[in-house]
């Protein structure tokens, strides 16, 4: 299956994230793309603790210093690079990552 283009990397400021809806395995899903430098990381927009959107405050995916993804419902902190929860009620769990790549400045999902 060809990659699904989502957005331009330049649409996401460095050390931030952008939420969107994408079709994954035939179903519409809320996802977000986090950016660190020239690397994009894609995740389902779904907290493993309370099964709510990470950005309960729309568009707010990071903690104050942009060092971690933060669930705005209960404050759990997740590493950007792998979605691992380092602090909070779901410590040790992961966000559901989605395979993606960036080519020629375009971020795309790779369907498995």
N, C-alpha and C. Protein backbone atom coordinates (compact mmCIF):
# COMPACT_ATOMS: atom_id res chain seq x y z
N UNK A 1 0.84 -1.18 0.00
CA UNK A 1 0.00 0.00 0.00
C UNK A 1 0.89 1.25 0.00
N UNK A 2 0.59 2.23 -0.83
CA UNK A 2 1.42 3.44 -0.84
C UNK A 2 1.23 4.25 0.44
N UNK A 3 2.27 5.00 0.86
CA UNK A 3 2.14 5.84 2.06
C UNK A 3 1.02 6.86 1.90
N UNK A 4 0.37 7.20 3.02
CA UNK A 4 -0.68 8.22 3.03
C UNK A 4 -0.08 9.55 3.47
N UNK A 5 -0.09 10.52 2.58
CA UNK A 5 0.45 11.83 2.92
C UNK A 5 -0.46 12.52 3.94
N UNK A 6 0.16 13.05 5.00
CA UNK A 6 -0.60 13.69 6.07
C UNK A 6 -0.45 15.21 6.09
N UNK A 7 0.78 15.68 6.02
CA UNK A 7 1.04 17.12 6.09
C UNK A 7 2.49 17.37 5.73
N UNK A 8 2.83 18.63 5.61
CA UNK A 8 4.22 19.01 5.42
C UNK A 8 4.89 19.10 6.79
N UNK A 9 6.14 18.67 6.86
CA UNK A 9 6.87 18.78 8.13
C UNK A 9 6.90 20.24 8.59
N UNK A 10 7.01 21.17 7.65
CA UNK A 10 7.05 22.59 8.00
C UNK A 10 5.74 23.11 8.58
N UNK A 11 4.65 22.33 8.46
CA UNK A 11 3.37 22.71 9.06
C UNK A 11 3.39 22.52 10.58
N UNK A 12 4.40 21.80 11.08
CA UNK A 12 4.50 21.50 12.51
C UNK A 12 5.75 22.20 13.05
N UNK A 13 5.59 23.20 13.90
CA UNK A 13 6.78 23.84 14.47
C UNK A 13 7.62 22.81 15.24
N UNK A 14 8.94 23.02 15.24
CA UNK A 14 9.83 22.12 15.96
C UNK A 14 9.42 22.05 17.44
N UNK A 15 9.52 20.86 18.01
CA UNK A 15 9.17 20.61 19.42
C UNK A 15 7.70 20.89 19.71
N UNK A 16 6.85 20.54 18.76
CA UNK A 16 5.41 20.66 18.97
C UNK A 16 4.72 19.53 18.21
N UNK A 17 3.42 19.58 18.15
CA UNK A 17 2.66 18.52 17.49
C UNK A 17 1.43 19.09 16.82
N UNK A 18 0.89 18.31 15.90
CA UNK A 18 -0.32 18.71 15.16
C UNK A 18 -1.28 17.53 15.16
N UNK A 19 -2.53 17.79 15.55
CA UNK A 19 -3.55 16.76 15.54
C UNK A 19 -4.29 16.75 14.21
N UNK A 20 -4.81 15.58 13.86
CA UNK A 20 -5.56 15.43 12.61
C UNK A 20 -6.34 14.12 12.66
N UNK A 21 -7.15 13.91 11.64
CA UNK A 21 -7.88 12.66 11.48
C UNK A 21 -7.31 11.95 10.27
N UNK A 22 -7.09 10.64 10.41
CA UNK A 22 -6.57 9.84 9.31
C UNK A 22 -7.32 8.51 9.27
N UNK A 23 -7.41 7.94 8.10
CA UNK A 23 -8.02 6.62 7.95
C UNK A 23 -6.92 5.59 8.17
N UNK A 24 -7.12 4.75 9.18
CA UNK A 24 -6.15 3.71 9.52
C UNK A 24 -6.90 2.39 9.56
N UNK A 25 -6.44 1.45 8.75
CA UNK A 25 -7.09 0.15 8.63
C UNK A 25 -8.59 0.30 8.40
N UNK A 26 -8.95 1.25 7.53
CA UNK A 26 -10.33 1.44 7.12
C UNK A 26 -11.19 2.25 8.07
N UNK A 27 -10.62 2.74 9.18
CA UNK A 27 -11.41 3.50 10.16
C UNK A 27 -10.80 4.88 10.38
N UNK A 28 -11.67 5.87 10.55
CA UNK A 28 -11.19 7.22 10.86
C UNK A 28 -10.70 7.24 12.30
N UNK A 29 -9.49 7.76 12.49
CA UNK A 29 -8.88 7.82 13.82
C UNK A 29 -8.30 9.21 14.07
N UNK A 30 -8.39 9.65 15.31
CA UNK A 30 -7.69 10.86 15.72
C UNK A 30 -6.24 10.49 15.96
N UNK A 31 -5.34 11.22 15.31
CA UNK A 31 -3.91 10.97 15.47
C UNK A 31 -3.22 12.31 15.71
N UNK A 32 -1.94 12.25 16.04
CA UNK A 32 -1.14 13.47 16.06
C UNK A 32 0.27 13.14 15.61
N UNK A 33 0.91 14.16 15.05
CA UNK A 33 2.28 14.06 14.59
C UNK A 33 3.11 14.99 15.47
N UNK A 34 4.11 14.44 16.15
CA UNK A 34 5.03 15.23 16.96
C UNK A 34 6.33 15.41 16.18
N UNK A 35 6.93 16.56 16.33
CA UNK A 35 8.16 16.86 15.59
C UNK A 35 9.31 17.16 16.53
N UNK A 36 10.45 16.55 16.22
CA UNK A 36 11.72 16.85 16.88
C UNK A 36 12.74 17.06 15.77
N UNK A 37 13.10 18.29 15.51
CA UNK A 37 14.04 18.57 14.42
C UNK A 37 13.44 18.16 13.09
N UNK A 38 14.15 17.33 12.36
CA UNK A 38 13.67 16.86 11.06
C UNK A 38 12.96 15.51 11.14
N UNK A 39 12.65 15.05 12.36
CA UNK A 39 12.02 13.75 12.54
C UNK A 39 10.58 13.93 13.02
N UNK A 40 9.67 13.17 12.41
CA UNK A 40 8.25 13.18 12.81
C UNK A 40 7.91 11.84 13.44
N UNK A 41 7.07 11.89 14.46
CA UNK A 41 6.59 10.69 15.16
C UNK A 41 5.07 10.74 15.15
N UNK A 42 4.44 9.66 14.74
CA UNK A 42 2.97 9.62 14.65
C UNK A 42 2.42 8.70 15.74
N UNK A 43 1.33 9.14 16.36
CA UNK A 43 0.67 8.37 17.42
C UNK A 43 -0.84 8.49 17.29
N UNK A 44 -1.55 7.45 17.75
CA UNK A 44 -2.99 7.60 17.95
C UNK A 44 -3.17 8.64 19.04
N UNK A 45 -4.14 9.50 18.89
CA UNK A 45 -4.43 10.52 19.89
C UNK A 45 -5.36 9.90 20.93
N UNK A 46 -4.76 9.09 21.80
CA UNK A 46 -5.55 8.29 22.73
C UNK A 46 -4.68 7.94 23.93
N UNK A 47 -5.06 8.36 25.11
CA UNK A 47 -4.28 8.08 26.31
C UNK A 47 -4.54 6.64 26.78
N UNK A 48 -3.49 5.87 27.07
CA UNK A 48 -3.70 4.49 27.51
C UNK A 48 -4.31 4.38 28.91
N UNK A 49 -4.31 5.46 29.67
CA UNK A 49 -4.85 5.41 31.03
C UNK A 49 -6.36 5.59 31.05
N UNK A 50 -6.85 6.67 30.46
CA UNK A 50 -8.27 6.98 30.56
C UNK A 50 -9.02 6.88 29.25
N UNK A 51 -8.34 6.45 28.20
CA UNK A 51 -8.95 6.32 26.87
C UNK A 51 -9.66 7.59 26.43
N UNK A 52 -8.96 8.71 26.58
CA UNK A 52 -9.44 10.00 26.09
C UNK A 52 -8.38 10.58 25.18
N UNK A 53 -8.74 11.62 24.43
CA UNK A 53 -7.77 12.30 23.59
C UNK A 53 -6.66 12.90 24.45
N UNK A 54 -5.44 12.80 23.98
CA UNK A 54 -4.30 13.40 24.68
C UNK A 54 -4.50 14.91 24.81
N UNK A 55 -5.00 15.53 23.76
CA UNK A 55 -5.20 16.99 23.78
C UNK A 55 -6.64 17.35 24.16
N UNK A 56 -7.00 17.06 25.40
CA UNK A 56 -8.30 17.49 25.90
C UNK A 56 -8.43 19.01 25.79
N UNK A 57 -7.32 19.69 25.87
CA UNK A 57 -7.26 21.11 25.52
C UNK A 57 -6.78 21.10 24.07
N UNK A 58 -7.67 21.38 23.11
CA UNK A 58 -7.34 21.19 21.69
C UNK A 58 -6.00 21.80 21.28
N UNK A 59 -5.19 20.96 20.64
CA UNK A 59 -3.90 21.40 20.13
C UNK A 59 -2.77 21.41 21.15
N UNK A 60 -3.08 21.13 22.42
CA UNK A 60 -2.04 21.13 23.46
C UNK A 60 -1.57 19.69 23.69
N UNK A 61 -0.44 19.35 23.10
CA UNK A 61 0.09 18.00 23.19
C UNK A 61 1.32 17.89 24.09
N UNK A 62 1.96 19.02 24.41
CA UNK A 62 3.23 18.99 25.14
C UNK A 62 3.11 19.65 26.50
N UNK A 63 4.06 19.29 27.38
CA UNK A 63 4.16 19.98 28.67
C UNK A 63 4.74 21.38 28.44
N UNK A 64 4.90 22.15 29.51
CA UNK A 64 5.28 23.56 29.39
C UNK A 64 6.59 23.80 28.67
N UNK A 65 7.60 22.95 28.90
CA UNK A 65 8.90 23.18 28.26
C UNK A 65 9.08 22.34 26.99
N UNK A 66 8.00 21.74 26.52
CA UNK A 66 8.01 20.95 25.28
C UNK A 66 8.97 19.77 25.30
N UNK A 67 9.28 19.26 26.50
CA UNK A 67 10.20 18.12 26.59
C UNK A 67 9.47 16.78 26.49
N UNK A 68 8.17 16.75 26.83
CA UNK A 68 7.39 15.51 26.80
C UNK A 68 6.00 15.78 26.22
N UNK A 69 5.43 14.74 25.62
CA UNK A 69 4.00 14.75 25.30
C UNK A 69 3.28 14.64 26.64
N UNK A 70 2.23 15.43 26.83
CA UNK A 70 1.51 15.41 28.10
C UNK A 70 0.02 15.26 27.87
N UNK A 71 -0.58 14.29 28.54
CA UNK A 71 -2.03 14.15 28.50
C UNK A 71 -2.63 15.30 29.30
N UNK A 72 -3.47 16.09 28.66
CA UNK A 72 -4.04 17.25 29.35
C UNK A 72 -5.17 16.86 30.30
N UNK A 73 -5.57 15.60 30.30
CA UNK A 73 -6.60 15.13 31.23
C UNK A 73 -6.03 14.91 32.63
N UNK A 74 -4.90 14.19 32.71
CA UNK A 74 -4.36 13.84 34.02
C UNK A 74 -2.86 14.05 34.17
N UNK A 75 -2.21 14.62 33.15
CA UNK A 75 -0.82 15.03 33.27
C UNK A 75 0.24 13.99 33.00
N UNK A 76 -0.12 12.80 32.56
CA UNK A 76 0.89 11.78 32.26
C UNK A 76 1.86 12.31 31.21
N UNK A 77 3.15 11.98 31.38
CA UNK A 77 4.19 12.44 30.47
C UNK A 77 4.73 11.26 29.65
N UNK A 78 4.84 11.47 28.34
CA UNK A 78 5.31 10.44 27.41
C UNK A 78 6.51 10.95 26.64
N UNK A 79 7.51 10.07 26.43
CA UNK A 79 8.64 10.45 25.59
C UNK A 79 8.18 10.63 24.16
N UNK A 80 8.70 11.64 23.50
CA UNK A 80 8.33 11.91 22.11
C UNK A 80 8.81 10.80 21.20
N UNK A 81 10.02 10.32 21.42
CA UNK A 81 10.67 9.38 20.50
C UNK A 81 10.03 8.00 20.44
N UNK A 82 9.37 7.56 21.52
CA UNK A 82 8.78 6.22 21.49
C UNK A 82 7.42 6.11 22.18
N UNK A 83 6.91 7.20 22.74
CA UNK A 83 5.59 7.19 23.37
C UNK A 83 5.54 6.53 24.73
N UNK A 84 6.70 6.24 25.33
CA UNK A 84 6.76 5.58 26.63
C UNK A 84 6.37 6.56 27.74
N UNK A 85 5.49 6.13 28.64
CA UNK A 85 5.05 6.98 29.75
C UNK A 85 6.08 6.92 30.87
N UNK A 86 6.67 8.07 31.18
CA UNK A 86 7.70 8.15 32.21
C UNK A 86 7.15 8.62 33.56
N UNK A 87 5.95 9.22 33.55
CA UNK A 87 5.36 9.71 34.79
C UNK A 87 3.85 9.79 34.64
N UNK A 88 3.15 9.40 35.70
CA UNK A 88 1.70 9.48 35.69
C UNK A 88 1.07 8.13 35.97
N UNK A 89 -0.26 8.08 35.97
CA UNK A 89 -0.97 6.86 36.33
C UNK A 89 -0.78 5.70 35.36
N UNK A 90 -0.28 5.96 34.16
CA UNK A 90 -0.05 4.87 33.20
C UNK A 90 1.45 4.66 32.97
N UNK A 91 2.27 5.01 33.97
CA UNK A 91 3.73 4.86 33.87
C UNK A 91 4.07 3.44 33.42
N UNK A 92 4.96 3.36 32.43
CA UNK A 92 5.38 2.07 31.89
C UNK A 92 4.60 1.64 30.67
N UNK A 93 3.49 2.31 30.38
CA UNK A 93 2.71 2.00 29.18
C UNK A 93 3.17 2.90 28.03
N UNK A 94 2.67 2.61 26.84
CA UNK A 94 3.06 3.36 25.64
C UNK A 94 1.85 3.93 24.93
N UNK A 95 2.04 5.07 24.29
CA UNK A 95 1.09 5.53 23.29
C UNK A 95 1.18 4.57 22.11
N UNK A 96 0.11 4.44 21.34
CA UNK A 96 0.13 3.58 20.15
C UNK A 96 0.81 4.35 19.02
N UNK A 97 2.01 3.89 18.67
CA UNK A 97 2.74 4.56 17.59
C UNK A 97 2.26 4.07 16.23
N UNK A 98 2.40 4.93 15.25
CA UNK A 98 2.02 4.63 13.88
C UNK A 98 3.25 4.82 13.00
N UNK A 99 3.58 3.85 12.15
CA UNK A 99 4.76 4.01 11.30
C UNK A 99 4.57 5.16 10.33
N UNK A 100 5.57 6.02 10.29
CA UNK A 100 5.52 7.16 9.37
C UNK A 100 6.93 7.45 8.87
N UNK A 101 7.00 8.23 7.83
CA UNK A 101 8.29 8.71 7.33
C UNK A 101 8.14 10.12 6.80
N UNK A 102 9.28 10.74 6.59
CA UNK A 102 9.29 12.09 6.01
C UNK A 102 10.19 12.05 4.79
N UNK A 103 9.60 12.33 3.64
CA UNK A 103 10.37 12.39 2.39
C UNK A 103 10.03 13.68 1.68
N UNK A 104 11.06 14.37 1.25
CA UNK A 104 10.91 15.64 0.54
C UNK A 104 10.00 16.59 1.31
N UNK A 105 10.12 16.56 2.65
CA UNK A 105 9.37 17.49 3.48
C UNK A 105 7.93 17.12 3.75
N UNK A 106 7.49 15.94 3.29
CA UNK A 106 6.11 15.50 3.50
C UNK A 106 6.08 14.33 4.48
N UNK A 107 5.24 14.44 5.50
CA UNK A 107 5.07 13.37 6.48
C UNK A 107 3.96 12.44 5.98
N UNK A 108 4.26 11.15 5.94
CA UNK A 108 3.30 10.16 5.44
C UNK A 108 3.20 8.98 6.40
N UNK A 109 1.99 8.43 6.51
CA UNK A 109 1.78 7.18 7.26
C UNK A 109 2.11 6.01 6.36
N UNK A 110 2.68 4.98 6.95
CA UNK A 110 2.98 3.76 6.22
C UNK A 110 2.04 2.69 6.74
N UNK A 111 1.13 2.23 5.92
CA UNK A 111 0.19 1.17 6.33
C UNK A 111 0.90 -0.16 6.36
N UNK A 112 0.66 -0.91 7.41
CA UNK A 112 1.28 -2.23 7.54
C UNK A 112 0.41 -3.30 6.93
